C-alpha atoms as a PDB file:
ATOM      1  CA  MET A   1      83.422 139.180   6.876  1.00  0.00           C
ATOM      2  CA  LEU A   2      84.949 137.730  10.027  1.00  0.00           C
ATOM      3  CA  ALA A   3      82.550 136.590  12.664  1.00  0.00           C
ATOM      4  CA  TYR A   4      84.230 135.162  15.718  1.00  0.00           C
ATOM      5  CA  ASN A   5      82.800 134.618  19.161  1.00  0.00           C
ATOM      6  CA  ILE A   6      85.647 134.604  21.635  1.00  0.00           C
ATOM      7  CA  VAL A   7      84.522 131.909  24.039  1.00  0.00           C
ATOM      8  CA  GLY A   8      86.758 130.127  26.498  1.00  0.00           C
ATOM      9  CA  PRO A   9      86.074 127.269  28.909  1.00  0.00           C
ATOM     10  CA  GLU A  10      84.255 129.630  31.241  1.00  0.00           C
ATOM     11  CA  GLY A  11      82.310 131.624  28.646  1.00  0.00           C
ATOM     12  CA  SER A  12      83.216 134.759  26.719  1.00  0.00           C
ATOM     13  CA  VAL A  13      86.771 136.022  26.872  1.00  0.00           C
ATOM     14  CA  GLU A  14      87.267 139.660  27.753  1.00  0.00           C
ATOM     15  CA  VAL A  15      89.487 141.695  25.463  1.00  0.00           C
ATOM     16  CA  ALA A  16      91.048 144.978  26.490  1.00  0.00           C
ATOM     17  CA  LEU A  17      91.134 148.330  24.783  1.00  0.00           C
ATOM     18  CA  LYS A  18      94.563 149.916  25.214  1.00  0.00           C
ATOM     19  CA  LYS A  19      95.664 153.486  24.621  1.00  0.00           C
ATOM     20  CA  MET A  20      98.418 153.714  21.982  1.00  0.00           C
ATOM     21  CA  GLY A  21      99.438 157.295  21.245  1.00  0.00           C
ATOM     22  CA  ASN A  22      96.346 159.144  20.047  1.00  0.00           C
ATOM     23  CA  SER A  23      94.589 155.890  19.131  1.00  0.00           C
ATOM     24  CA  THR A  24      92.956 153.037  20.981  1.00  0.00           C
ATOM     25  CA  ALA A  25      93.832 149.416  20.139  1.00  0.00           C
ATOM     26  CA  ILE A  26      92.103 146.140  20.922  1.00  0.00           C
ATOM     27  CA  VAL A  27      94.178 143.201  22.094  1.00  0.00           C
ATOM     28  CA  ILE A  28      93.125 139.999  20.315  1.00  0.00           C
ATOM     29  CA  PRO A  29      94.325 136.706  21.854  1.00  0.00           C
ATOM     30  CA  PRO A  30      96.901 134.771  19.760  1.00  0.00           C
ATOM     31  CA  PRO A  31      94.670 131.660  19.356  1.00  0.00           C
ATOM     32  CA  VAL A  32      91.984 133.814  17.732  1.00  0.00           C
ATOM     33  CA  LEU A  33      94.529 135.364  15.364  1.00  0.00           C
ATOM     34  CA  ARG A  34      95.799 131.891  14.433  1.00  0.00           C
ATOM     35  CA  ASP A  35      92.281 130.518  13.887  1.00  0.00           C
ATOM     36  CA  LEU A  36      91.415 133.409  11.579  1.00  0.00           C
ATOM     37  CA  GLY A  37      94.753 133.446   9.756  1.00  0.00           C
ATOM     38  CA  ILE A  38      95.458 137.089  10.563  1.00  0.00           C
ATOM     39  CA  GLY A  39      98.216 138.816  12.469  1.00  0.00           C
ATOM     40  CA  ALA A  40     100.006 142.041  13.255  1.00  0.00           C
ATOM     41  CA  GLY A  41     100.264 144.273  10.197  1.00  0.00           C
ATOM     42  CA  GLN A  42      97.186 142.745   8.499  1.00  0.00           C
ATOM     43  CA  LYS A  43      94.943 145.421   7.005  1.00  0.00           C
ATOM     44  CA  LEU A  44      91.300 145.163   8.091  1.00  0.00           C
ATOM     45  CA  THR A  45      88.126 147.095   7.342  1.00  0.00           C
ATOM     46  CA  LEU A  46      86.154 148.058  10.459  1.00  0.00           C
ATOM     47  CA  ASP A  47      82.360 148.346  10.366  1.00  0.00           C
ATOM     48  CA  THR A  48      79.743 148.578  13.076  1.00  0.00           C
ATOM     49  CA  THR A  49      76.238 147.157  13.183  1.00  0.00           C
ATOM     50  CA  PRO A  50      73.134 148.996  14.406  1.00  0.00           C
ATOM     51  CA  ASP A  51      73.135 146.837  17.535  1.00  0.00           C
ATOM     52  CA  GLY A  52      76.675 147.964  18.465  1.00  0.00           C
ATOM     53  CA  LYS A  53      78.777 145.058  17.214  1.00  0.00           C
ATOM     54  CA  ILE A  54      82.185 145.601  15.639  1.00  0.00           C
ATOM     55  CA  VAL A  55      82.861 143.731  12.397  1.00  0.00           C
ATOM     56  CA  LEU A  56      86.429 143.366  11.113  1.00  0.00           C
ATOM     57  CA  THR A  57      86.967 142.162   7.541  1.00  0.00           C
ATOM     58  CA  PRO A  58      90.462 141.366   6.260  1.00  0.00           C
ATOM     59  CA  LYS A  59      91.528 143.236   3.147  1.00  0.00           C
ATOM     60  CA  ARG A  60      92.002 140.692   0.388  1.00  0.00           C
ATOM     61  CA  ARG A  61      95.573 139.924  -0.570  1.00  0.00           C
ATOM     62  CA  TYR A  62      95.798 139.739  -4.327  1.00  0.00           C
ATOM     63  CA  VAL A  63      98.154 137.306  -6.018  1.00  0.00           C
ATOM     64  CA  LEU A  64      99.127 138.058  -9.621  1.00  0.00           C
ATOM     65  CA  ALA A  65      98.486 134.477 -10.754  1.00  0.00           C
ATOM     66  CA  ASP A  66      94.925 134.622  -9.344  1.00  0.00           C
ATOM     67  CA  MET A  67      94.250 137.935 -11.076  1.00  0.00           C
ATOM     68  CA  ILE A  68      95.563 136.643 -14.417  1.00  0.00           C
ATOM     69  CA  ALA A  69      93.432 133.508 -14.061  1.00  0.00           C
ATOM     70  CA  GLN A  70      90.329 135.733 -14.008  1.00  0.00           C
ATOM     71  CA  CYS A  71      91.232 137.401 -17.315  1.00  0.00           C
ATOM     72  CA  ASP A  72      89.665 136.429 -20.622  1.00  0.00           C
ATOM     73  CA  ARG A  73      92.735 135.914 -22.793  1.00  0.00           C
ATOM     74  CA  LYS A  74      90.584 135.844 -25.940  1.00  0.00           C
ATOM     75  CA  ALA A  75      89.048 139.261 -25.282  1.00  0.00           C
ATOM     76  CA  ALA A  76      90.074 142.121 -27.544  1.00  0.00           C
ATOM     77  CA  PRO A  77      92.306 144.746 -25.919  1.00  0.00           C
ATOM     78  CA  PRO A  78      90.699 148.075 -25.007  1.00  0.00           C
ATOM     79  CA  ALA A  79      90.628 150.595 -27.878  1.00  0.00           C
ATOM     80  CA  ASP A  80      92.925 153.066 -26.093  1.00  0.00           C
ATOM     81  CA  LEU A  81      95.529 150.324 -25.565  1.00  0.00           C
ATOM     82  CA  VAL A  82      95.602 149.570 -29.307  1.00  0.00           C
ATOM     83  CA  LEU A  83      96.712 153.184 -29.915  1.00  0.00           C
ATOM     84  CA  TRP A  84      99.965 152.500 -28.061  1.00  0.00           C
ATOM     85  CA  ASP A  85     100.959 149.974 -30.726  1.00  0.00           C
ATOM     86  CA  VAL A  86     100.725 152.548 -33.539  1.00  0.00           C
ATOM     87  CA  ALA A  87     101.947 155.624 -31.648  1.00  0.00           C
ATOM     88  CA  GLY A  88     105.327 157.007 -32.659  1.00  0.00           C
ATOM     89  CA  PRO A  89     107.861 158.694 -30.405  1.00  0.00           C
ATOM     90  CA  VAL A  90     106.985 162.238 -29.356  1.00  0.00           C
ATOM     91  CA  GLY A  91     109.982 163.269 -27.314  1.00  0.00           C
ATOM     92  CA  GLY A  92     113.487 162.046 -26.663  1.00  0.00           C
ATOM     93  CA  GLU A  93     112.596 158.354 -26.327  1.00  0.00           C
ATOM     94  CA  VAL A  94     115.199 155.790 -27.265  1.00  0.00           C
ATOM     95  CA  ILE A  95     113.846 153.289 -29.739  1.00  0.00           C
END
């Protein structure tokens, strides 16, 4: 979860809501985007708190190497996957 207080030399920084088509967008200052490592096109999840705060959480970017590192290479394959090894052709497959 991202928690960021936008505070400048004179206190909190105002951000503006802008109308964009049928939607409303918030303009986030570039230094904040840089500090958080996010930018235009980044997918975020938006939540609200009971006291009216908006919470933006970046969607995790998965990297194949990280996902493979989490796998147990010694684990047996799922039973339904084993069936693929013994299944014969059923249509016009080229072997």
